[in-house]
Amino acid sequence: MIYAIQQAYYIKAMNPSDYHILEGLAINIGINGTLFSNVIHSNATTKQLMSEIEQSRSMGIYSFPSLVFKVDNRYKKIPIEYQDENTILETLLKISS
């Protein structure tokens, strides 16, 4: 499912926040659409999502995707440079030393 979501978002410009998109992707990879819909709309799933959003906010994260590094019980947001991984590596080296 993760691969299907990545393909849909990055290659087909589909919005993975749309439940109908997710349901269609699930069906395409062989998951029962009704079951998927019931699970994704369940209280348990909503509760888990809200918990993960709250956790992200507590780390100062308001955009996705994000890269965070924990140092001394503090979270440091790492700038993502998609064309040059050295930017990420250099930042990690600076904050970890």
PDB file of N, CA and C in Angstrom:
ATOM      1  N   MET A   1       0.829  -1.183   0.000  1.00  0.00           N
ATOM      2  CA  MET A   1       0.000   0.000   0.000  1.00  0.00           C
ATOM      3  C   MET A   1       0.875   1.250   0.000  1.00  0.00           C
ATOM      4  N   ILE A   2       1.960   1.220   0.756  1.00  0.00           N
ATOM      5  CA  ILE A   2       2.855   2.377   0.781  1.00  0.00           C
ATOM      6  C   ILE A   2       3.395   2.663  -0.617  1.00  0.00           C
ATOM      7  N   TYR A   3       3.795   1.604  -1.318  1.00  0.00           N
ATOM      8  CA  TYR A   3       4.300   1.773  -2.683  1.00  0.00           C
ATOM      9  C   TYR A   3       3.206   2.354  -3.588  1.00  0.00           C
ATOM     10  N   ALA A   4       2.000   1.840  -3.461  1.00  0.00           N
ATOM     11  CA  ALA A   4       0.880   2.319  -4.275  1.00  0.00           C
ATOM     12  C   ALA A   4       0.605   3.798  -4.001  1.00  0.00           C
ATOM     13  N   ILE A   5       0.671   4.188  -2.737  1.00  0.00           N
ATOM     14  CA  ILE A   5       0.453   5.595  -2.373  1.00  0.00           C
ATOM     15  C   ILE A   5       1.560   6.468  -2.949  1.00  0.00           C
ATOM     16  N   GLN A   6       2.805   6.038  -2.837  1.00  0.00           N
ATOM     17  CA  GLN A   6       3.926   6.803  -3.380  1.00  0.00           C
ATOM     18  C   GLN A   6       3.788   6.981  -4.893  1.00  0.00           C
ATOM     19  N   GLN A   7       3.448   5.914  -5.576  1.00  0.00           N
ATOM     20  CA  GLN A   7       3.267   5.978  -7.031  1.00  0.00           C
ATOM     21  C   GLN A   7       2.134   6.939  -7.388  1.00  0.00           C
ATOM     22  N   ALA A   8       1.029   6.820  -6.672  1.00  0.00           N
ATOM     23  CA  ALA A   8      -0.122   7.677  -6.957  1.00  0.00           C
ATOM     24  C   ALA A   8       0.221   9.147  -6.736  1.00  0.00           C
ATOM     25  N   TYR A   9       0.921   9.435  -5.659  1.00  0.00           N
ATOM     26  CA  TYR A   9       1.221  10.831  -5.320  1.00  0.00           C
ATOM     27  C   TYR A   9       2.288  11.427  -6.220  1.00  0.00           C
ATOM     28  N   TYR A  10       3.419  10.744  -6.330  1.00  0.00           N
ATOM     29  CA  TYR A  10       4.560  11.338  -7.028  1.00  0.00           C
ATOM     30  C   TYR A  10       4.510  11.182  -8.539  1.00  0.00           C
ATOM     31  N   ILE A  11       3.877  10.145  -9.023  1.00  0.00           N
ATOM     32  CA  ILE A  11       3.859   9.922 -10.474  1.00  0.00           C
ATOM     33  C   ILE A  11       2.534  10.349 -11.106  1.00  0.00           C
ATOM     34  N   LYS A  12       1.433  10.080 -10.408  1.00  0.00           N
ATOM     35  CA  LYS A  12       0.118  10.369 -10.977  1.00  0.00           C
ATOM     36  C   LYS A  12      -0.527  11.629 -10.403  1.00  0.00           C
ATOM     37  N   ALA A  13       0.165  12.306  -9.481  1.00  0.00           N
ATOM     38  CA  ALA A  13      -0.331  13.546  -8.871  1.00  0.00           C
ATOM     39  C   ALA A  13      -1.705  13.368  -8.225  1.00  0.00           C
ATOM     40  N   MET A  14      -1.915  12.216  -7.607  1.00  0.00           N
ATOM     41  CA  MET A  14      -3.169  11.949  -6.905  1.00  0.00           C
ATOM     42  C   MET A  14      -2.999  12.349  -5.435  1.00  0.00           C
ATOM     43  N   ASN A  15      -4.094  12.723  -4.797  1.00  0.00           N
ATOM     44  CA  ASN A  15      -4.054  13.180  -3.414  1.00  0.00           C
ATOM     45  C   ASN A  15      -4.324  12.017  -2.448  1.00  0.00           C
ATOM     46  N   PRO A  16      -3.300  11.540  -1.736  1.00  0.00           N
ATOM     47  CA  PRO A  16      -3.504  10.411  -0.832  1.00  0.00           C
ATOM     48  C   PRO A  16      -4.269  10.782   0.442  1.00  0.00           C
ATOM     49  N   SER A  17      -4.632  12.061   0.597  1.00  0.00           N
ATOM     50  CA  SER A  17      -5.484  12.455   1.715  1.00  0.00           C
ATOM     51  C   SER A  17      -6.949  12.182   1.409  1.00  0.00           C
ATOM     52  N   ASP A  18      -7.248  11.910   0.176  1.00  0.00           N
ATOM     53  CA  ASP A  18      -8.617  11.632  -0.270  1.00  0.00           C
ATOM     54  C   ASP A  18      -8.938  10.157  -0.033  1.00  0.00           C
ATOM     55  N   TYR A  19      -9.939   9.912   0.802  1.00  0.00           N
ATOM     56  CA  TYR A  19     -10.304   8.537   1.137  1.00  0.00           C
ATOM     57  C   TYR A  19     -10.661   7.703  -0.098  1.00  0.00           C
ATOM     58  N   HIS A  20     -11.290   8.335  -1.083  1.00  0.00           N
ATOM     59  CA  HIS A  20     -11.663   7.595  -2.296  1.00  0.00           C
ATOM     60  C   HIS A  20     -10.420   7.144  -3.073  1.00  0.00           C
ATOM     61  N   ILE A  21      -9.395   7.979  -3.072  1.00  0.00           N
ATOM     62  CA  ILE A  21      -8.127   7.603  -3.718  1.00  0.00           C
ATOM     63  C   ILE A  21      -7.527   6.407  -2.993  1.00  0.00           C
ATOM     64  N   LEU A  22      -7.467   6.483  -1.670  1.00  0.00           N
ATOM     65  CA  LEU A  22      -6.902   5.381  -0.889  1.00  0.00           C
ATOM     66  C   LEU A  22      -7.690   4.091  -1.077  1.00  0.00           C
ATOM     67  N   GLU A  23      -8.994   4.203  -1.093  1.00  0.00           N
ATOM     68  CA  GLU A  23      -9.821   3.007  -1.293  1.00  0.00           C
ATOM     69  C   GLU A  23      -9.559   2.397  -2.673  1.00  0.00           C
ATOM     70  N   GLY A  24      -9.463   3.230  -3.691  1.00  0.00           N
ATOM     71  CA  GLY A  24      -9.170   2.734  -5.035  1.00  0.00           C
ATOM     72  C   GLY A  24      -7.807   2.055  -5.106  1.00  0.00           C
ATOM     73  N   LEU A  25      -6.818   2.643  -4.440  1.00  0.00           N
ATOM     74  CA  LEU A  25      -5.483   2.037  -4.410  1.00  0.00           C
ATOM     75  C   LEU A  25      -5.526   0.690  -3.695  1.00  0.00           C
ATOM     76  N   ALA A  26      -6.248   0.645  -2.591  1.00  0.00           N
ATOM     77  CA  ALA A  26      -6.368  -0.611  -1.841  1.00  0.00           C
ATOM     78  C   ALA A  26      -6.993  -1.697  -2.703  1.00  0.00           C
ATOM     79  N   ILE A  27      -8.046  -1.355  -3.393  1.00  0.00           N
ATOM     80  CA  ILE A  27      -8.718  -2.325  -4.266  1.00  0.00           C
ATOM     81  C   ILE A  27      -7.761  -2.791  -5.363  1.00  0.00           C
ATOM     82  N   ASN A  28      -7.000  -1.853  -5.936  1.00  0.00           N
ATOM     83  CA  ASN A  28      -6.060  -2.196  -7.008  1.00  0.00           C
ATOM     84  C   ASN A  28      -4.978  -3.168  -6.577  1.00  0.00           C
ATOM     85  N   ILE A  29      -4.641  -3.165  -5.285  1.00  0.00           N
ATOM     86  CA  ILE A  29      -3.610  -4.110  -4.823  1.00  0.00           C
ATOM     87  C   ILE A  29      -4.213  -5.339  -4.154  1.00  0.00           C
ATOM     88  N   GLY A  30      -5.536  -5.499  -4.270  1.00  0.00           N
ATOM     89  CA  GLY A  30      -6.172  -6.726  -3.816  1.00  0.00           C
ATOM     90  C   GLY A  30      -6.792  -6.696  -2.429  1.00  0.00           C
ATOM     91  N   ILE A  31      -6.918  -5.513  -1.841  1.00  0.00           N
ATOM     92  CA  ILE A  31      -7.558  -5.403  -0.527  1.00  0.00           C
ATOM     93  C   ILE A  31      -9.061  -5.206  -0.731  1.00  0.00           C
ATOM     94  N   ASN A  32      -9.843  -5.841   0.103  1.00  0.00           N
ATOM     95  CA  ASN A  32     -11.293  -5.700   0.044  1.00  0.00           C
ATOM     96  C   ASN A  32     -11.672  -4.243   0.307  1.00  0.00           C
ATOM     97  N   GLY A  33     -12.321  -3.614  -0.657  1.00  0.00           N
ATOM     98  CA  GLY A  33     -12.655  -2.197  -0.572  1.00  0.00           C
ATOM     99  C   GLY A  33     -13.577  -1.857   0.580  1.00  0.00           C
ATOM    100  N   THR A  34     -14.572  -2.690   0.819  1.00  0.00           N
ATOM    101  CA  THR A  34     -15.512  -2.441   1.918  1.00  0.00           C
ATOM    102  C   THR A  34     -14.803  -2.538   3.260  1.00  0.00           C
ATOM    103  N   LEU A  35     -13.990  -3.566   3.411  1.00  0.00           N
ATOM    104  CA  LEU A  35     -13.235  -3.730   4.647  1.00  0.00           C
ATOM    105  C   LEU A  35     -12.287  -2.545   4.855  1.00  0.00           C
ATOM    106  N   PHE A  36     -11.578  -2.162   3.802  1.00  0.00           N
ATOM    107  CA  PHE A  36     -10.659  -1.028   3.894  1.00  0.00           C
ATOM    108  C   PHE A  36     -11.404   0.233   4.312  1.00  0.00           C
ATOM    109  N   SER A  37     -12.529   0.488   3.680  1.00  0.00           N
ATOM    110  CA  SER A  37     -13.321   1.675   3.985  1.00  0.00           C
ATOM    111  C   SER A  37     -13.789   1.668   5.437  1.00  0.00           C
ATOM    112  N   ASN A  38     -14.232   0.514   5.909  1.00  0.00           N
ATOM    113  CA  ASN A  38     -14.688   0.410   7.301  1.00  0.00           C
ATOM    114  C   ASN A  38     -13.549   0.692   8.274  1.00  0.00           C
ATOM    115  N   VAL A  39     -12.364   0.167   7.968  1.00  0.00           N
ATOM    116  CA  VAL A  39     -11.222   0.365   8.865  1.00  0.00           C
ATOM    117  C   VAL A  39     -10.752   1.808   8.835  1.00  0.00           C
ATOM    118  N   ILE A  40     -10.647   2.391   7.650  1.00  0.00           N
ATOM    119  CA  ILE A  40     -10.112   3.757   7.557  1.00  0.00           C
ATOM    120  C   ILE A  40     -11.060   4.782   8.181  1.00  0.00           C
ATOM    121  N   HIS A  41     -12.349   4.491   8.198  1.00  0.00           N
ATOM    122  CA  HIS A  41     -13.324   5.407   8.785  1.00  0.00           C
ATOM    123  C   HIS A  41     -13.642   5.065  10.241  1.00  0.00           C
ATOM    124  N   SER A  42     -12.944   4.107  10.793  1.00  0.00           N
ATOM    125  CA  SER A  42     -13.232   3.675  12.169  1.00  0.00           C
ATOM    126  C   SER A  42     -12.725   4.694  13.191  1.00  0.00           C
ATOM    127  N   ASN A  43     -13.309   4.638  14.369  1.00  0.00           N
ATOM    128  CA  ASN A  43     -12.867   5.502  15.462  1.00  0.00           C
ATOM    129  C   ASN A  43     -11.418   5.220  15.839  1.00  0.00           C
ATOM    130  N   ALA A  44     -11.020   3.959  15.803  1.00  0.00           N
ATOM    131  CA  ALA A  44      -9.647   3.586  16.166  1.00  0.00           C
ATOM    132  C   ALA A  44      -8.639   4.229  15.206  1.00  0.00           C
ATOM    133  N   THR A  45      -8.933   4.215  13.918  1.00  0.00           N
ATOM    134  CA  THR A  45      -8.035   4.815  12.938  1.00  0.00           C
ATOM    135  C   THR A  45      -7.971   6.331  13.119  1.00  0.00           C
ATOM    136  N   THR A  46      -9.118   6.955  13.333  1.00  0.00           N
ATOM    137  CA  THR A  46      -9.164   8.399  13.557  1.00  0.00           C
ATOM    138  C   THR A  46      -8.382   8.770  14.815  1.00  0.00           C
ATOM    139  N   LYS A  47      -8.546   7.993  15.865  1.00  0.00           N
ATOM    140  CA  LYS A  47      -7.820   8.243  17.114  1.00  0.00           C
ATOM    141  C   LYS A  47      -6.311   8.123  16.899  1.00  0.00           C
ATOM    142  N   GLN A  48      -5.878   7.102  16.161  1.00  0.00           N
ATOM    143  CA  GLN A  48      -4.449   6.914  15.880  1.00  0.00           C
ATOM    144  C   GLN A  48      -3.902   8.064  15.050  1.00  0.00           C
ATOM    145  N   LEU A  49      -4.637   8.492  14.038  1.00  0.00           N
ATOM    146  CA  LEU A  49      -4.214   9.622  13.204  1.00  0.00           C
ATOM    147  C   LEU A  49      -4.057  10.883  14.044  1.00  0.00           C
ATOM    148  N   MET A  50      -5.029  11.178  14.883  1.00  0.00           N
ATOM    149  CA  MET A  50      -4.967  12.378  15.710  1.00  0.00           C
ATOM    150  C   MET A  50      -3.782  12.308  16.675  1.00  0.00           C
ATOM    151  N   SER A  51      -3.504  11.125  17.187  1.00  0.00           N
ATOM    152  CA  SER A  51      -2.366  10.941  18.086  1.00  0.00           C
ATOM    153  C   SER A  51      -1.051  11.213  17.353  1.00  0.00           C
ATOM    154  N   GLU A  52      -0.934  10.731  16.132  1.00  0.00           N
ATOM    155  CA  GLU A  52       0.285  10.947  15.349  1.00  0.00           C
ATOM    156  C   GLU A  52       0.440  12.409  14.938  1.00  0.00           C
ATOM    157  N   ILE A  53      -0.650  13.072  14.625  1.00  0.00           N
ATOM    158  CA  ILE A  53      -0.595  14.498  14.308  1.00  0.00           C
ATOM    159  C   ILE A  53      -0.159  15.286  15.546  1.00  0.00           C
ATOM    160  N   GLU A  54      -0.721  14.938  16.696  1.00  0.00           N
ATOM    161  CA  GLU A  54      -0.348  15.600  17.948  1.00  0.00           C
ATOM    162  C   GLU A  54       1.141  15.392  18.253  1.00  0.00           C
ATOM    163  N   GLN A  55       1.628  14.181  18.026  1.00  0.00           N
ATOM    164  CA  GLN A  55       3.047  13.895  18.247  1.00  0.00           C
ATOM    165  C   GLN A  55       3.911  14.752  17.326  1.00  0.00           C
ATOM    166  N   SER A  56       3.528  14.854  16.069  1.00  0.00           N
ATOM    167  CA  SER A  56       4.273  15.681  15.112  1.00  0.00           C
ATOM    168  C   SER A  56       4.302  17.136  15.569  1.00  0.00           C
ATOM    169  N   ARG A  57       3.161  17.648  15.982  1.00  0.00           N
ATOM    170  CA  ARG A  57       3.077  19.042  16.433  1.00  0.00           C
ATOM    171  C   ARG A  57       3.968  19.274  17.655  1.00  0.00           C
ATOM    172  N   SER A  58       4.031  18.292  18.547  1.00  0.00           N
ATOM    173  CA  SER A  58       4.863  18.441  19.744  1.00  0.00           C
ATOM    174  C   SER A  58       6.350  18.501  19.396  1.00  0.00           C
ATOM    175  N   MET A  59       6.703  18.012  18.209  1.00  0.00           N
ATOM    176  CA  MET A  59       8.085  18.070  17.746  1.00  0.00           C
ATOM    177  C   MET A  59       8.333  19.297  16.867  1.00  0.00           C
ATOM    178  N   GLY A  60       7.300  20.129  16.702  1.00  0.00           N
ATOM    179  CA  GLY A  60       7.441  21.320  15.874  1.00  0.00           C
ATOM    180  C   GLY A  60       7.295  21.047  14.394  1.00  0.00           C
ATOM    181  N   ILE A  61       6.680  19.943  14.046  1.00  0.00           N
ATOM    182  CA  ILE A  61       6.515  19.552  12.644  1.00  0.00           C
ATOM    183  C   ILE A  61       5.114  19.921  12.173  1.00  0.00           C
ATOM    184  N   TYR A  62       5.051  20.706  11.097  1.00  0.00           N
ATOM    185  CA  TYR A  62       3.764  21.137  10.562  1.00  0.00           C
ATOM    186  C   TYR A  62       3.635  20.858   9.067  1.00  0.00           C
ATOM    187  N   SER A  63       4.638  20.210   8.500  1.00  0.00           N
ATOM    188  CA  SER A  63       4.570  19.875   7.075  1.00  0.00           C
ATOM    189  C   SER A  63       5.123  18.468   6.866  1.00  0.00           C
ATOM    190  N   PHE A  64       4.695  17.866   5.796  1.00  0.00           N
ATOM    191  CA  PHE A  64       5.095  16.499   5.498  1.00  0.00           C
ATOM    192  C   PHE A  64       5.489  16.400   4.036  1.00  0.00           C
ATOM    193  N   PRO A  65       6.489  15.625   3.699  1.00  0.00           N
ATOM    194  CA  PRO A  65       7.323  14.843   4.616  1.00  0.00           C
ATOM    195  C   PRO A  65       8.293  15.740   5.369  1.00  0.00           C
ATOM    196  N   SER A  66       8.702  15.274   6.524  1.00  0.00           N
ATOM    197  CA  SER A  66       9.670  15.982   7.350  1.00  0.00           C
ATOM    198  C   SER A  66      10.694  14.998   7.878  1.00  0.00           C
ATOM    199  N   LEU A  67      11.848  15.530   8.186  1.00  0.00           N
ATOM    200  CA  LEU A  67      12.919  14.731   8.760  1.00  0.00           C
ATOM    201  C   LEU A  67      13.282  15.378  10.089  1.00  0.00           C
ATOM    202  N   VAL A  68      13.266  14.566  11.162  1.00  0.00           N
ATOM    203  CA  VAL A  68      13.509  15.073  12.506  1.00  0.00           C
ATOM    204  C   VAL A  68      14.581  14.222  13.163  1.00  0.00           C
ATOM    205  N   PHE A  69      15.452  14.887  13.891  1.00  0.00           N
ATOM    206  CA  PHE A  69      16.533  14.206  14.603  1.00  0.00           C
ATOM    207  C   PHE A  69      16.402  14.564  16.079  1.00  0.00           C
ATOM    208  N   LYS A  70      16.404  13.563  16.941  1.00  0.00           N
ATOM    209  CA  LYS A  70      16.266  13.797  18.370  1.00  0.00           C
ATOM    210  C   LYS A  70      17.652  13.852  19.010  1.00  0.00           C
ATOM    211  N   VAL A  71      17.926  14.974  19.690  1.00  0.00           N
ATOM    212  CA  VAL A  71      19.208  15.176  20.366  1.00  0.00           C
ATOM    213  C   VAL A  71      18.907  15.684  21.776  1.00  0.00           C
ATOM    214  N   ASP A  72      19.392  14.961  22.775  1.00  0.00           N
ATOM    215  CA  ASP A  72      19.195  15.378  24.168  1.00  0.00           C
ATOM    216  C   ASP A  72      17.728  15.697  24.473  1.00  0.00           C
ATOM    217  N   ASN A  73      16.837  14.806  24.081  1.00  0.00           N
ATOM    218  CA  ASN A  73      15.394  14.957  24.313  1.00  0.00           C
ATOM    219  C   ASN A  73      14.786  16.194  23.656  1.00  0.00           C
ATOM    220  N   ARG A  74      15.470  16.742  22.665  1.00  0.00           N
ATOM    221  CA  ARG A  74      14.928  17.839  21.869  1.00  0.00           C
ATOM    222  C   ARG A  74      14.899  17.401  20.417  1.00  0.00           C
ATOM    223  N   TYR A  75      13.923  17.899  19.694  1.00  0.00           N
ATOM    224  CA  TYR A  75      13.775  17.532  18.295  1.00  0.00           C
ATOM    225  C   TYR A  75      14.286  18.649  17.406  1.00  0.00           C
ATOM    226  N   LYS A  76      15.105  18.269  16.450  1.00  0.00           N
ATOM    227  CA  LYS A  76      15.648  19.213  15.486  1.00  0.00           C
ATOM    228  C   LYS A  76      15.124  18.848  14.104  1.00  0.00           C
ATOM    229  N   LYS A  77      14.493  19.808  13.461  1.00  0.00           N
ATOM    230  CA  LYS A  77      14.015  19.586  12.100  1.00  0.00           C
ATOM    231  C   LYS A  77      15.197  19.708  11.153  1.00  0.00           C
ATOM    232  N   ILE A  78      15.338  18.737  10.277  1.00  0.00           N
ATOM    233  CA  ILE A  78      16.423  18.698   9.307  1.00  0.00           C
ATOM    234  C   ILE A  78      15.874  19.153   7.958  1.00  0.00           C
ATOM    235  N   PRO A  79      16.498  20.170   7.353  1.00  0.00           N
ATOM    236  CA  PRO A  79      16.023  20.592   6.031  1.00  0.00           C
ATOM    237  C   PRO A  79      16.245  19.483   5.007  1.00  0.00           C
ATOM    238  N   ILE A  80      15.241  19.262   4.203  1.00  0.00           N
ATOM    239  CA  ILE A  80      15.321  18.205   3.190  1.00  0.00           C
ATOM    240  C   ILE A  80      15.720  18.834   1.864  1.00  0.00           C
ATOM    241  N   GLU A  81      16.789  18.321   1.308  1.00  0.00           N
ATOM    242  CA  GLU A  81      17.241  18.750  -0.018  1.00  0.00           C
ATOM    243  C   GLU A  81      17.183  17.515  -0.909  1.00  0.00           C
ATOM    244  N   TYR A  82      16.222  17.484  -1.796  1.00  0.00           N
ATOM    245  CA  TYR A  82      15.992  16.298  -2.609  1.00  0.00           C
ATOM    246  C   TYR A  82      17.053  16.083  -3.685  1.00  0.00           C
ATOM    247  N   GLN A  83      17.754  17.127  -4.051  1.00  0.00           N
ATOM    248  CA  GLN A  83      18.747  17.008  -5.113  1.00  0.00           C
ATOM    249  C   GLN A  83      20.156  16.736  -4.591  1.00  0.00           C
ATOM    250  N   ASP A  84      20.362  16.955  -3.281  1.00  0.00           N
ATOM    251  CA  ASP A  84      21.707  16.799  -2.729  1.00  0.00           C
ATOM    252  C   ASP A  84      21.626  16.312  -1.288  1.00  0.00           C
ATOM    253  N   GLU A  85      21.916  15.058  -1.083  1.00  0.00           N
ATOM    254  CA  GLU A  85      21.841  14.464   0.258  1.00  0.00           C
ATOM    255  C   GLU A  85      22.884  15.025   1.203  1.00  0.00           C
ATOM    256  N   ASN A  86      23.912  15.669   0.669  1.00  0.00           N
ATOM    257  CA  ASN A  86      24.962  16.227   1.520  1.00  0.00           C
ATOM    258  C   ASN A  86      24.435  17.318   2.453  1.00  0.00           C
ATOM    259  N   THR A  87      23.420  18.037   2.038  1.00  0.00           N
ATOM    260  CA  THR A  87      22.806  19.047   2.902  1.00  0.00           C
ATOM    261  C   THR A  87      22.269  18.400   4.168  1.00  0.00           C
ATOM    262  N   ILE A  88      21.585  17.297   4.009  1.00  0.00           N
ATOM    263  CA  ILE A  88      21.035  16.565   5.159  1.00  0.00           C
ATOM    264  C   ILE A  88      22.165  16.011   6.019  1.00  0.00           C
ATOM    265  N   LEU A  89      23.139  15.381   5.383  1.00  0.00           N
ATOM    266  CA  LEU A  89      24.247  14.794   6.123  1.00  0.00           C
ATOM    267  C   LEU A  89      25.040  15.833   6.899  1.00  0.00           C
ATOM    268  N   GLU A  90      25.298  16.978   6.280  1.00  0.00           N
ATOM    269  CA  GLU A  90      26.042  18.043   6.953  1.00  0.00           C
ATOM    270  C   GLU A  90      25.278  18.573   8.164  1.00  0.00           C
ATOM    271  N   THR A  91      23.990  18.733   8.023  1.00  0.00           N
ATOM    272  CA  THR A  91      23.171  19.199   9.150  1.00  0.00           C
ATOM    273  C   THR A  91      23.193  18.182  10.284  1.00  0.00           C
ATOM    274  N   LEU A  92      23.068  16.926   9.949  1.00  0.00           N
ATOM    275  CA  LEU A  92      23.113  15.870  10.975  1.00  0.00           C
ATOM    276  C   LEU A  92      24.457  15.863  11.700  1.00  0.00           C
ATOM    277  N   LEU A  93      25.521  16.040  10.959  1.00  0.00           N
ATOM    278  CA  LEU A  93      26.849  16.069  11.582  1.00  0.00           C
ATOM    279  C   LEU A  93      26.995  17.276  12.518  1.00  0.00           C
ATOM    280  N   LYS A  94      26.478  18.422  12.111  1.00  0.00           N
ATOM    281  CA  LYS A  94      26.571  19.627  12.940  1.00  0.00           C
ATOM    282  C   LYS A  94      25.820  19.467  14.263  1.00  0.00           C
ATOM    283  N   ILE A  95      24.605  18.965  14.203  1.00  0.00           N
ATOM    284  CA  ILE A  95      23.797  18.914  15.424  1.00  0.00           C
ATOM    285  C   ILE A  95      24.111  17.714  16.307  1.00  0.00           C
ATOM    286  N   SER A  96      24.812  16.730  15.771  1.00  0.00           N
ATOM    287  CA  SER A  96      25.124  15.566  16.590  1.00  0.00           C
ATOM    288  C   SER A  96      26.502  15.653  17.241  1.00  0.00           C
ATOM    289  N   SER A  97      27.256  16.677  16.903  1.00  0.00           N
ATOM    290  CA  SER A  97      28.598  16.782  17.484  1.00  0.00           C
ATOM    291  C   SER A  97      28.661  17.788  18.609  1.00  0.00           C
TER     292      SER A  97
END
